[in-house]
Amino acid sequence: MEDNPIPLRLKQARKRAGITQKNLGVMIGMEESSASGRMNHYEKGRHVPDISTLRKLAKALGVPMSYFFCEDDLSAELAIQIEKLPKAEKEKLLQFIEKLQQSNE
């Protein structure tokens, strides 16, 4: 993967959600006339969305902000699945991971 994982993750999440570039742009407050072009620039890596825009994109696509920074597909999928868990389950998962790491030392 290239240095910046955001373009690929954005495109993957958008396609997974079944949303066009134009519709996604409009959903996060872009003008209808420029939404498709701006989203295309983000997905091609020509421009990088600022944090505020990334936050809006994450919410619209139903993914955590951390998803956009995952460098591999497995980490990206884990970020999505972990985000769906209630807090208590996240805490249990963290404890399990810590125990797993200790047993591998």
PDB file of N, CA and C in Angstrom:
ATOM      1  N   MET A   1       0.850  -1.182   0.000  1.00  0.00           N
ATOM      2  CA  MET A   1       0.000   0.000   0.000  1.00  0.00           C
ATOM      3  C   MET A   1       0.892   1.240   0.000  1.00  0.00           C
ATOM      4  N   GLU A   2       0.421   2.282  -0.622  1.00  0.00           N
ATOM      5  CA  GLU A   2       1.178   3.523  -0.662  1.00  0.00           C
ATOM      6  C   GLU A   2       1.276   4.136   0.728  1.00  0.00           C
ATOM      7  N   ASP A   3       1.999   5.253   0.839  1.00  0.00           N
ATOM      8  CA  ASP A   3       2.222   5.892   2.134  1.00  0.00           C
ATOM      9  C   ASP A   3       0.941   6.340   2.813  1.00  0.00           C
ATOM     10  N   ASN A   4      -0.029   6.779   2.034  1.00  0.00           N
ATOM     11  CA  ASN A   4      -1.274   7.292   2.592  1.00  0.00           C
ATOM     12  C   ASN A   4      -2.402   6.289   2.335  1.00  0.00           C
ATOM     13  N   PRO A   5      -2.882   5.619   3.377  1.00  0.00           N
ATOM     14  CA  PRO A   5      -3.943   4.625   3.169  1.00  0.00           C
ATOM     15  C   PRO A   5      -5.338   5.222   2.971  1.00  0.00           C
ATOM     16  N   ILE A   6      -5.506   6.517   3.201  1.00  0.00           N
ATOM     17  CA  ILE A   6      -6.835   7.132   3.180  1.00  0.00           C
ATOM     18  C   ILE A   6      -7.561   6.958   1.840  1.00  0.00           C
ATOM     19  N   PRO A   7      -6.923   7.226   0.692  1.00  0.00           N
ATOM     20  CA  PRO A   7      -7.671   7.091  -0.566  1.00  0.00           C
ATOM     21  C   PRO A   7      -8.269   5.695  -0.776  1.00  0.00           C
ATOM     22  N   LEU A   8      -7.481   4.664  -0.556  1.00  0.00           N
ATOM     23  CA  LEU A   8      -7.978   3.302  -0.745  1.00  0.00           C
ATOM     24  C   LEU A   8      -9.079   2.972   0.251  1.00  0.00           C
ATOM     25  N   ARG A   9      -8.886   3.315   1.511  1.00  0.00           N
ATOM     26  CA  ARG A   9      -9.889   3.013   2.536  1.00  0.00           C
ATOM     27  C   ARG A   9     -11.197   3.755   2.247  1.00  0.00           C
ATOM     28  N   LEU A  10     -11.085   4.996   1.816  1.00  0.00           N
ATOM     29  CA  LEU A  10     -12.282   5.776   1.500  1.00  0.00           C
ATOM     30  C   LEU A  10     -13.068   5.110   0.370  1.00  0.00           C
ATOM     31  N   LYS A  11     -12.367   4.722  -0.676  1.00  0.00           N
ATOM     32  CA  LYS A  11     -13.032   4.075  -1.811  1.00  0.00           C
ATOM     33  C   LYS A  11     -13.659   2.750  -1.385  1.00  0.00           C
ATOM     34  N   GLN A  12     -12.922   1.953  -0.600  1.00  0.00           N
ATOM     35  CA  GLN A  12     -13.449   0.665  -0.145  1.00  0.00           C
ATOM     36  C   GLN A  12     -14.714   0.850   0.692  1.00  0.00           C
ATOM     37  N   ALA A  13     -14.679   1.788   1.618  1.00  0.00           N
ATOM     38  CA  ALA A  13     -15.832   2.011   2.500  1.00  0.00           C
ATOM     39  C   ALA A  13     -17.031   2.531   1.711  1.00  0.00           C
ATOM     40  N   ARG A  14     -16.777   3.411   0.766  1.00  0.00           N
ATOM     41  CA  ARG A  14     -17.867   3.955  -0.052  1.00  0.00           C
ATOM     42  C   ARG A  14     -18.516   2.853  -0.881  1.00  0.00           C
ATOM     43  N   LYS A  15     -17.696   2.037  -1.515  1.00  0.00           N
ATOM     44  CA  LYS A  15     -18.246   0.942  -2.335  1.00  0.00           C
ATOM     45  C   LYS A  15     -18.981  -0.069  -1.462  1.00  0.00           C
ATOM     46  N   ARG A  16     -18.427  -0.349  -0.296  1.00  0.00           N
ATOM     47  CA  ARG A  16     -19.060  -1.284   0.639  1.00  0.00           C
ATOM     48  C   ARG A  16     -20.449  -0.780   1.042  1.00  0.00           C
ATOM     49  N   ALA A  17     -20.562   0.536   1.186  1.00  0.00           N
ATOM     50  CA  ALA A  17     -21.837   1.146   1.573  1.00  0.00           C
ATOM     51  C   ALA A  17     -22.785   1.304   0.384  1.00  0.00           C
ATOM     52  N   GLY A  18     -22.277   1.104  -0.829  1.00  0.00           N
ATOM     53  CA  GLY A  18     -23.117   1.225  -2.016  1.00  0.00           C
ATOM     54  C   GLY A  18     -23.529   2.652  -2.328  1.00  0.00           C
ATOM     55  N   ILE A  19     -22.615   3.590  -2.087  1.00  0.00           N
ATOM     56  CA  ILE A  19     -22.903   5.015  -2.272  1.00  0.00           C
ATOM     57  C   ILE A  19     -22.018   5.558  -3.391  1.00  0.00           C
ATOM     58  N   THR A  20     -22.565   6.400  -4.242  1.00  0.00           N
ATOM     59  CA  THR A  20     -21.759   7.029  -5.287  1.00  0.00           C
ATOM     60  C   THR A  20     -20.905   8.134  -4.677  1.00  0.00           C
ATOM     61  N   GLN A  21     -19.867   8.519  -5.406  1.00  0.00           N
ATOM     62  CA  GLN A  21     -19.022   9.619  -4.946  1.00  0.00           C
ATOM     63  C   GLN A  21     -19.855  10.879  -4.748  1.00  0.00           C
ATOM     64  N   LYS A  22     -20.706  11.158  -5.702  1.00  0.00           N
ATOM     65  CA  LYS A  22     -21.539  12.362  -5.630  1.00  0.00           C
ATOM     66  C   LYS A  22     -22.447  12.323  -4.405  1.00  0.00           C
ATOM     67  N   ASN A  23     -23.138  11.209  -4.201  1.00  0.00           N
ATOM     68  CA  ASN A  23     -24.055  11.112  -3.062  1.00  0.00           C
ATOM     69  C   ASN A  23     -23.322  11.220  -1.732  1.00  0.00           C
ATOM     70  N   LEU A  24     -22.153  10.610  -1.642  1.00  0.00           N
ATOM     71  CA  LEU A  24     -21.383  10.704  -0.403  1.00  0.00           C
ATOM     72  C   LEU A  24     -20.976  12.146  -0.138  1.00  0.00           C
ATOM     73  N   GLY A  25     -20.499  12.816  -1.171  1.00  0.00           N
ATOM     74  CA  GLY A  25     -20.117  14.213  -1.010  1.00  0.00           C
ATOM     75  C   GLY A  25     -21.275  15.075  -0.537  1.00  0.00           C
ATOM     76  N   VAL A  26     -22.436  14.878  -1.145  1.00  0.00           N
ATOM     77  CA  VAL A  26     -23.628  15.637  -0.748  1.00  0.00           C
ATOM     78  C   VAL A  26     -24.016  15.293   0.690  1.00  0.00           C
ATOM     79  N   MET A  27     -23.915  14.013   1.056  1.00  0.00           N
ATOM     80  CA  MET A  27     -24.262  13.587   2.421  1.00  0.00           C
ATOM     81  C   MET A  27     -23.433  14.305   3.482  1.00  0.00           C
ATOM     82  N   ILE A  28     -22.182  14.646   3.135  1.00  0.00           N
ATOM     83  CA  ILE A  28     -21.326  15.297   4.133  1.00  0.00           C
ATOM     84  C   ILE A  28     -21.294  16.814   3.973  1.00  0.00           C
ATOM     85  N   GLY A  29     -22.184  17.342   3.118  1.00  0.00           N
ATOM     86  CA  GLY A  29     -22.337  18.791   3.037  1.00  0.00           C
ATOM     87  C   GLY A  29     -21.674  19.487   1.871  1.00  0.00           C
ATOM     88  N   MET A  30     -21.196  18.740   0.892  1.00  0.00           N
ATOM     89  CA  MET A  30     -20.595  19.373  -0.287  1.00  0.00           C
ATOM     90  C   MET A  30     -21.694  19.826  -1.243  1.00  0.00           C
ATOM     91  N   GLU A  31     -21.360  20.821  -2.054  1.00  0.00           N
ATOM     92  CA  GLU A  31     -22.280  21.270  -3.097  1.00  0.00           C
ATOM     93  C   GLU A  31     -22.466  20.138  -4.104  1.00  0.00           C
ATOM     94  N   GLU A  32     -23.684  19.953  -4.551  1.00  0.00           N
ATOM     95  CA  GLU A  32     -23.987  18.866  -5.487  1.00  0.00           C
ATOM     96  C   GLU A  32     -23.150  18.959  -6.763  1.00  0.00           C
ATOM     97  N   SER A  33     -22.902  20.172  -7.225  1.00  0.00           N
ATOM     98  CA  SER A  33     -22.172  20.362  -8.483  1.00  0.00           C
ATOM     99  C   SER A  33     -20.700  19.965  -8.398  1.00  0.00           C
ATOM    100  N   SER A  34     -20.122  19.994  -7.204  1.00  0.00           N
ATOM    101  CA  SER A  34     -18.694  19.680  -7.066  1.00  0.00           C
ATOM    102  C   SER A  34     -18.418  18.412  -6.258  1.00  0.00           C
ATOM    103  N   ALA A  35     -19.451  17.801  -5.703  1.00  0.00           N
ATOM    104  CA  ALA A  35     -19.265  16.665  -4.790  1.00  0.00           C
ATOM    105  C   ALA A  35     -18.528  15.497  -5.437  1.00  0.00           C
ATOM    106  N   SER A  36     -18.933  15.105  -6.629  1.00  0.00           N
ATOM    107  CA  SER A  36     -18.311  13.954  -7.290  1.00  0.00           C
ATOM    108  C   SER A  36     -16.830  14.206  -7.563  1.00  0.00           C
ATOM    109  N   GLY A  37     -16.513  15.368  -8.082  1.00  0.00           N
ATOM    110  CA  GLY A  37     -15.123  15.714  -8.379  1.00  0.00           C
ATOM    111  C   GLY A  37     -14.250  15.762  -7.140  1.00  0.00           C
ATOM    112  N   ARG A  38     -14.768  16.364  -6.088  1.00  0.00           N
ATOM    113  CA  ARG A  38     -13.990  16.453  -4.846  1.00  0.00           C
ATOM    114  C   ARG A  38     -13.756  15.081  -4.240  1.00  0.00           C
ATOM    115  N   MET A  39     -14.801  14.246  -4.238  1.00  0.00           N
ATOM    116  CA  MET A  39     -14.643  12.899  -3.692  1.00  0.00           C
ATOM    117  C   MET A  39     -13.661  12.095  -4.540  1.00  0.00           C
ATOM    118  N   ASN A  40     -13.707  12.288  -5.852  1.00  0.00           N
ATOM    119  CA  ASN A  40     -12.774  11.601  -6.737  1.00  0.00           C
ATOM    120  C   ASN A  40     -11.339  11.995  -6.412  1.00  0.00           C
ATOM    121  N   HIS A  41     -11.119  13.260  -6.136  1.00  0.00           N
ATOM    122  CA  HIS A  41      -9.774  13.726  -5.777  1.00  0.00           C
ATOM    123  C   HIS A  41      -9.308  13.089  -4.473  1.00  0.00           C
ATOM    124  N   TYR A  42     -10.200  12.929  -3.520  1.00  0.00           N
ATOM    125  CA  TYR A  42      -9.842  12.255  -2.266  1.00  0.00           C
ATOM    126  C   TYR A  42      -9.486  10.793  -2.523  1.00  0.00           C
ATOM    127  N   GLU A  43     -10.293  10.121  -3.336  1.00  0.00           N
ATOM    128  CA  GLU A  43     -10.064   8.698  -3.600  1.00  0.00           C
ATOM    129  C   GLU A  43      -8.823   8.452  -4.454  1.00  0.00           C
ATOM    130  N   LYS A  44      -8.453   9.407  -5.265  1.00  0.00           N
ATOM    131  CA  LYS A  44      -7.250   9.276  -6.099  1.00  0.00           C
ATOM    132  C   LYS A  44      -5.997   9.753  -5.363  1.00  0.00           C
ATOM    133  N   GLY A  45      -6.177  10.361  -4.191  1.00  0.00           N
ATOM    134  CA  GLY A  45      -5.037  10.847  -3.419  1.00  0.00           C
ATOM    135  C   GLY A  45      -4.503  12.185  -3.890  1.00  0.00           C
ATOM    136  N   ARG A  46      -5.257  12.866  -4.737  1.00  0.00           N
ATOM    137  CA  ARG A  46      -4.826  14.187  -5.205  1.00  0.00           C
ATOM    138  C   ARG A  46      -4.960  15.231  -4.104  1.00  0.00           C
ATOM    139  N   HIS A  47      -5.953  15.033  -3.258  1.00  0.00           N
ATOM    140  CA  HIS A  47      -6.172  15.895  -2.096  1.00  0.00           C
ATOM    141  C   HIS A  47      -6.428  14.989  -0.898  1.00  0.00           C
ATOM    142  N   VAL A  48      -6.085  15.487   0.275  1.00  0.00           N
ATOM    143  CA  VAL A  48      -6.318  14.727   1.509  1.00  0.00           C
ATOM    144  C   VAL A  48      -7.388  15.455   2.316  1.00  0.00           C
ATOM    145  N   PRO A  49      -8.454  14.749   2.688  1.00  0.00           N
ATOM    146  CA  PRO A  49      -9.489  15.405   3.494  1.00  0.00           C
ATOM    147  C   PRO A  49      -8.949  15.800   4.865  1.00  0.00           C
ATOM    148  N   ASP A  50      -9.401  16.948   5.366  1.00  0.00           N
ATOM    149  CA  ASP A  50      -8.990  17.352   6.710  1.00  0.00           C
ATOM    150  C   ASP A  50      -9.730  16.491   7.743  1.00  0.00           C
ATOM    151  N   ILE A  51      -9.351  16.630   8.987  1.00  0.00           N
ATOM    152  CA  ILE A  51      -9.908  15.790  10.054  1.00  0.00           C
ATOM    153  C   ILE A  51     -11.421  15.965  10.170  1.00  0.00           C
ATOM    154  N   SER A  52     -11.893  17.172  10.050  1.00  0.00           N
ATOM    155  CA  SER A  52     -13.331  17.420  10.131  1.00  0.00           C
ATOM    156  C   SER A  52     -14.077  16.677   9.020  1.00  0.00           C
ATOM    157  N   THR A  53     -13.531  16.718   7.821  1.00  0.00           N
ATOM    158  CA  THR A  53     -14.145  16.014   6.694  1.00  0.00           C
ATOM    159  C   THR A  53     -14.060  14.508   6.892  1.00  0.00           C
ATOM    160  N   LEU A  54     -12.919  14.022   7.382  1.00  0.00           N
ATOM    161  CA  LEU A  54     -12.784  12.586   7.656  1.00  0.00           C
ATOM    162  C   LEU A  54     -13.810  12.125   8.684  1.00  0.00           C
ATOM    163  N   ARG A  55     -14.042  12.953   9.677  1.00  0.00           N
ATOM    164  CA  ARG A  55     -15.030  12.611  10.708  1.00  0.00           C
ATOM    165  C   ARG A  55     -16.420  12.471  10.076  1.00  0.00           C
ATOM    166  N   LYS A  56     -16.766  13.412   9.200  1.00  0.00           N
ATOM    167  CA  LYS A  56     -18.062  13.353   8.510  1.00  0.00           C
ATOM    168  C   LYS A  56     -18.149  12.117   7.611  1.00  0.00           C
ATOM    169  N   LEU A  57     -17.054  11.826   6.910  1.00  0.00           N
ATOM    170  CA  LEU A  57     -17.027  10.652   6.037  1.00  0.00           C
ATOM    171  C   LEU A  57     -17.196   9.367   6.843  1.00  0.00           C
ATOM    172  N   ALA A  58     -16.494   9.284   7.965  1.00  0.00           N
ATOM    173  CA  ALA A  58     -16.592   8.091   8.814  1.00  0.00           C
ATOM    174  C   ALA A  58     -18.026   7.884   9.278  1.00  0.00           C
ATOM    175  N   LYS A  59     -18.653   8.960   9.713  1.00  0.00           N
ATOM    176  CA  LYS A  59     -20.036   8.861  10.185  1.00  0.00           C
ATOM    177  C   LYS A  59     -20.971   8.434   9.052  1.00  0.00           C
ATOM    178  N   ALA A  60     -20.821   9.049   7.892  1.00  0.00           N
ATOM    179  CA  ALA A  60     -21.687   8.728   6.754  1.00  0.00           C
ATOM    180  C   ALA A  60     -21.494   7.290   6.277  1.00  0.00           C
ATOM    181  N   LEU A  61     -20.274   6.789   6.388  1.00  0.00           N
ATOM    182  CA  LEU A  61     -19.960   5.445   5.899  1.00  0.00           C
ATOM    183  C   LEU A  61     -20.083   4.367   6.973  1.00  0.00           C
ATOM    184  N   GLY A  62     -20.289   4.787   8.211  1.00  0.00           N
ATOM    185  CA  GLY A  62     -20.441   3.823   9.293  1.00  0.00           C
ATOM    186  C   GLY A  62     -19.160   3.105   9.667  1.00  0.00           C
ATOM    187  N   VAL A  63     -18.043   3.818   9.575  1.00  0.00           N
ATOM    188  CA  VAL A  63     -16.749   3.246   9.962  1.00  0.00           C
ATOM    189  C   VAL A  63     -16.100   4.153  11.006  1.00  0.00           C
ATOM    190  N   PRO A  64     -15.212   3.598  11.839  1.00  0.00           N
ATOM    191  CA  PRO A  64     -14.506   4.456  12.794  1.00  0.00           C
ATOM    192  C   PRO A  64     -13.436   5.280  12.072  1.00  0.00           C
ATOM    193  N   MET A  65     -13.064   6.394  12.639  1.00  0.00           N
ATOM    194  CA  MET A  65     -12.009   7.230  12.057  1.00  0.00           C
ATOM    195  C   MET A  65     -10.730   6.425  11.848  1.00  0.00           C
ATOM    196  N   SER A  66     -10.425   5.550  12.788  1.00  0.00           N
ATOM    197  CA  SER A  66      -9.187   4.772  12.700  1.00  0.00           C
ATOM    198  C   SER A  66      -9.129   3.925  11.432  1.00  0.00           C
ATOM    199  N   TYR A  67     -10.277   3.565  10.896  1.00  0.00           N
ATOM    200  CA  TYR A  67     -10.341   2.750   9.677  1.00  0.00           C
ATOM    201  C   TYR A  67      -9.526   3.380   8.546  1.00  0.00           C
ATOM    202  N   PHE A  68      -9.610   4.680   8.396  1.00  0.00           N
ATOM    203  CA  PHE A  68      -8.938   5.363   7.296  1.00  0.00           C
ATOM    204  C   PHE A  68      -7.419   5.289   7.376  1.00  0.00           C
ATOM    205  N   PHE A  69      -6.892   4.964   8.548  1.00  0.00           N
ATOM    206  CA  PHE A  69      -5.450   4.941   8.744  1.00  0.00           C
ATOM    207  C   PHE A  69      -4.871   3.532   8.790  1.00  0.00           C
ATOM    208  N   CYS A  70      -5.713   2.527   8.624  1.00  0.00           N
ATOM    209  CA  CYS A  70      -5.250   1.134   8.643  1.00  0.00           C
ATOM    210  C   CYS A  70      -4.467   0.835   7.370  1.00  0.00           C
ATOM    211  N   GLU A  71      -3.297   0.245   7.548  1.00  0.00           N
ATOM    212  CA  GLU A  71      -2.425  -0.005   6.406  1.00  0.00           C
ATOM    213  C   GLU A  71      -2.667  -1.346   5.728  1.00  0.00           C
ATOM    214  N   ASP A  72      -3.450  -2.231   6.353  1.00  0.00           N
ATOM    215  CA  ASP A  72      -3.755  -3.502   5.700  1.00  0.00           C
ATOM    216  C   ASP A  72      -5.237  -3.817   5.884  1.00  0.00           C
ATOM    217  N   ASP A  73      -5.737  -4.693   5.031  1.00  0.00           N
ATOM    218  CA  ASP A  73      -7.166  -4.997   5.020  1.00  0.00           C
ATOM    219  C   ASP A  73      -7.646  -5.659   6.306  1.00  0.00           C
ATOM    220  N   LEU A  74      -6.828  -6.520   6.894  1.00  0.00           N
ATOM    221  CA  LEU A  74      -7.227  -7.193   8.128  1.00  0.00           C
ATOM    222  C   LEU A  74      -7.411  -6.186   9.259  1.00  0.00           C
ATOM    223  N   SER A  75      -6.470  -5.275   9.403  1.00  0.00           N
ATOM    224  CA  SER A  75      -6.585  -4.243  10.441  1.00  0.00           C
ATOM    225  C   SER A  75      -7.809  -3.361  10.204  1.00  0.00           C
ATOM    226  N   ALA A  76      -8.081  -3.062   8.950  1.00  0.00           N
ATOM    227  CA  ALA A  76      -9.246  -2.236   8.613  1.00  0.00           C
ATOM    228  C   ALA A  76     -10.537  -2.945   9.003  1.00  0.00           C
ATOM    229  N   GLU A  77     -10.627  -4.233   8.684  1.00  0.00           N
ATOM    230  CA  GLU A  77     -11.831  -4.993   9.029  1.00  0.00           C
ATOM    231  C   GLU A  77     -11.973  -5.126  10.544  1.00  0.00           C
ATOM    232  N   LEU A  78     -10.863  -5.333  11.234  1.00  0.00           N
ATOM    233  CA  LEU A  78     -10.912  -5.398  12.700  1.00  0.00           C
ATOM    234  C   LEU A  78     -11.411  -4.081  13.287  1.00  0.00           C
ATOM    235  N   ALA A  79     -10.943  -2.971  12.743  1.00  0.00           N
ATOM    236  CA  ALA A  79     -11.377  -1.656  13.235  1.00  0.00           C
ATOM    237  C   ALA A  79     -12.891  -1.505  13.106  1.00  0.00           C
ATOM    238  N   ILE A  80     -13.439  -1.953  11.981  1.00  0.00           N
ATOM    239  CA  ILE A  80     -14.888  -1.861  11.767  1.00  0.00           C
ATOM    240  C   ILE A  80     -15.634  -2.742  12.761  1.00  0.00           C
ATOM    241  N   GLN A  81     -15.194  -3.978  12.905  1.00  0.00           N
ATOM    242  CA  GLN A  81     -15.895  -4.923  13.773  1.00  0.00           C
ATOM    243  C   GLN A  81     -15.791  -4.534  15.247  1.00  0.00           C
ATOM    244  N   ILE A  82     -14.627  -4.065  15.669  1.00  0.00           N
ATOM    245  CA  ILE A  82     -14.447  -3.651  17.066  1.00  0.00           C
ATOM    246  C   ILE A  82     -15.332  -2.451  17.381  1.00  0.00           C
ATOM    247  N   GLU A  83     -15.442  -1.529  16.441  1.00  0.00           N
ATOM    248  CA  GLU A  83     -16.268  -0.333  16.654  1.00  0.00           C
ATOM    249  C   GLU A  83     -17.725  -0.690  16.913  1.00  0.00           C
ATOM    250  N   LYS A  84     -18.182  -1.784  16.344  1.00  0.00           N
ATOM    251  CA  LYS A  84     -19.578  -2.201  16.502  1.00  0.00           C
ATOM    252  C   LYS A  84     -19.878  -2.778  17.884  1.00  0.00           C
ATOM    253  N   LEU A  85     -18.839  -3.178  18.606  1.00  0.00           N
ATOM    254  CA  LEU A  85     -19.040  -3.808  19.913  1.00  0.00           C
ATOM    255  C   LEU A  85     -19.412  -2.786  20.984  1.00  0.00           C
ATOM    256  N   PRO A  86     -20.226  -3.201  21.960  1.00  0.00           N
ATOM    257  CA  PRO A  86     -20.474  -2.329  23.108  1.00  0.00           C
ATOM    258  C   PRO A  86     -19.190  -2.192  23.935  1.00  0.00           C
ATOM    259  N   LYS A  87     -19.126  -1.156  24.745  1.00  0.00           N
ATOM    260  CA  LYS A  87     -17.918  -0.866  25.519  1.00  0.00           C
ATOM    261  C   LYS A  87     -17.477  -2.061  26.360  1.00  0.00           C
ATOM    262  N   ALA A  88     -18.405  -2.724  27.024  1.00  0.00           N
ATOM    263  CA  ALA A  88     -18.054  -3.865  27.879  1.00  0.00           C
ATOM    264  C   ALA A  88     -17.391  -4.974  27.064  1.00  0.00           C
ATOM    265  N   GLU A  89     -17.884  -5.197  25.858  1.00  0.00           N
ATOM    266  CA  GLU A  89     -17.303  -6.234  25.000  1.00  0.00           C
ATOM    267  C   GLU A  89     -15.921  -5.818  24.498  1.00  0.00           C
ATOM    268  N   LYS A  90     -15.735  -4.536  24.248  1.00  0.00           N
ATOM    269  CA  LYS A  90     -14.415  -4.040  23.842  1.00  0.00           C
ATOM    270  C   LYS A  90     -13.406  -4.272  24.958  1.00  0.00           C
ATOM    271  N   GLU A  91     -13.831  -4.039  26.203  1.00  0.00           N
ATOM    272  CA  GLU A  91     -12.942  -4.258  27.342  1.00  0.00           C
ATOM    273  C   GLU A  91     -12.576  -5.733  27.467  1.00  0.00           C
ATOM    274  N   LYS A  92     -13.544  -6.618  27.267  1.00  0.00           N
ATOM    275  CA  LYS A  92     -13.269  -8.060  27.303  1.00  0.00           C
ATOM    276  C   LYS A  92     -12.303  -8.451  26.187  1.00  0.00           C
ATOM    277  N   LEU A  93     -12.511  -7.888  25.022  1.00  0.00           N
ATOM    278  CA  LEU A  93     -11.640  -8.186  23.890  1.00  0.00           C
ATOM    279  C   LEU A  93     -10.214  -7.736  24.178  1.00  0.00           C
ATOM    280  N   LEU A  94     -10.070  -6.565  24.758  1.00  0.00           N
ATOM    281  CA  LEU A  94      -8.749  -6.060  25.110  1.00  0.00           C
ATOM    282  C   LEU A  94      -8.065  -6.989  26.106  1.00  0.00           C
ATOM    283  N   GLN A  95      -8.798  -7.436  27.114  1.00  0.00           N
ATOM    284  CA  GLN A  95      -8.234  -8.374  28.091  1.00  0.00           C
ATOM    285  C   GLN A  95      -7.809  -9.675  27.409  1.00  0.00           C
ATOM    286  N   PHE A  96      -8.628 -10.163  26.507  1.00  0.00           N
ATOM    287  CA  PHE A  96      -8.299 -11.390  25.783  1.00  0.00           C
ATOM    288  C   PHE A  96      -7.019 -11.214  24.961  1.00  0.00           C
ATOM    289  N   ILE A  97      -6.905 -10.092  24.276  1.00  0.00           N
ATOM    290  CA  ILE A  97      -5.716  -9.823  23.459  1.00  0.00           C
ATOM    291  C   ILE A  97      -4.477  -9.744  24.338  1.00  0.00           C
ATOM    292  N   GLU A  98      -4.601  -9.091  25.489  1.00  0.00           N
ATOM    293  CA  GLU A  98      -3.463  -8.995  26.407  1.00  0.00           C
ATOM    294  C   GLU A  98      -3.035 -10.379  26.884  1.00  0.00           C
ATOM    295  N   LYS A  99      -3.995 -11.242  27.213  1.00  0.00           N
ATOM    296  CA  LYS A  99      -3.677 -12.610  27.636  1.00  0.00           C
ATOM    297  C   LYS A  99      -3.038 -13.389  26.497  1.00  0.00           C
ATOM    298  N   LEU A 100      -3.533 -13.211  25.311  1.00  0.00           N
ATOM    299  CA  LEU A 100      -2.989 -13.888  24.143  1.00  0.00           C
ATOM    300  C   LEU A 100      -1.537 -13.477  23.910  1.00  0.00           C
ATOM    301  N   GLN A 101      -1.258 -12.195  24.060  1.00  0.00           N
ATOM    302  CA  GLN A 101       0.108 -11.706  23.888  1.00  0.00           C
ATOM    303  C   GLN A 101       1.029 -12.280  24.955  1.00  0.00           C
ATOM    304  N   GLN A 102       0.545 -12.347  26.188  1.00  0.00           N
ATOM    305  CA  GLN A 102       1.357 -12.895  27.278  1.00  0.00           C
ATOM    306  C   GLN A 102       1.679 -14.363  27.035  1.00  0.00           C
ATOM    307  N   SER A 103       0.728 -15.105  26.515  1.00  0.00           N
ATOM    308  CA  SER A 103       0.960 -16.532  26.276  1.00  0.00           C
ATOM    309  C   SER A 103       1.921 -16.767  25.111  1.00  0.00           C
ATOM    310  N   ASN A 104       2.095 -15.769  24.264  1.00  0.00           N
ATOM    311  CA  ASN A 104       3.018 -15.894  23.129  1.00  0.00           C
ATOM    312  C   ASN A 104       4.413 -15.373  23.438  1.00  0.00           C
ATOM    313  N   GLU A 105       4.616 -14.886  24.642  1.00  0.00           N
ATOM    314  CA  GLU A 105       5.943 -14.338  24.998  1.00  0.00           C
ATOM    315  C   GLU A 105       6.882 -15.420  25.440  1.00  0.00           C
TER     316      GLU A 105
END
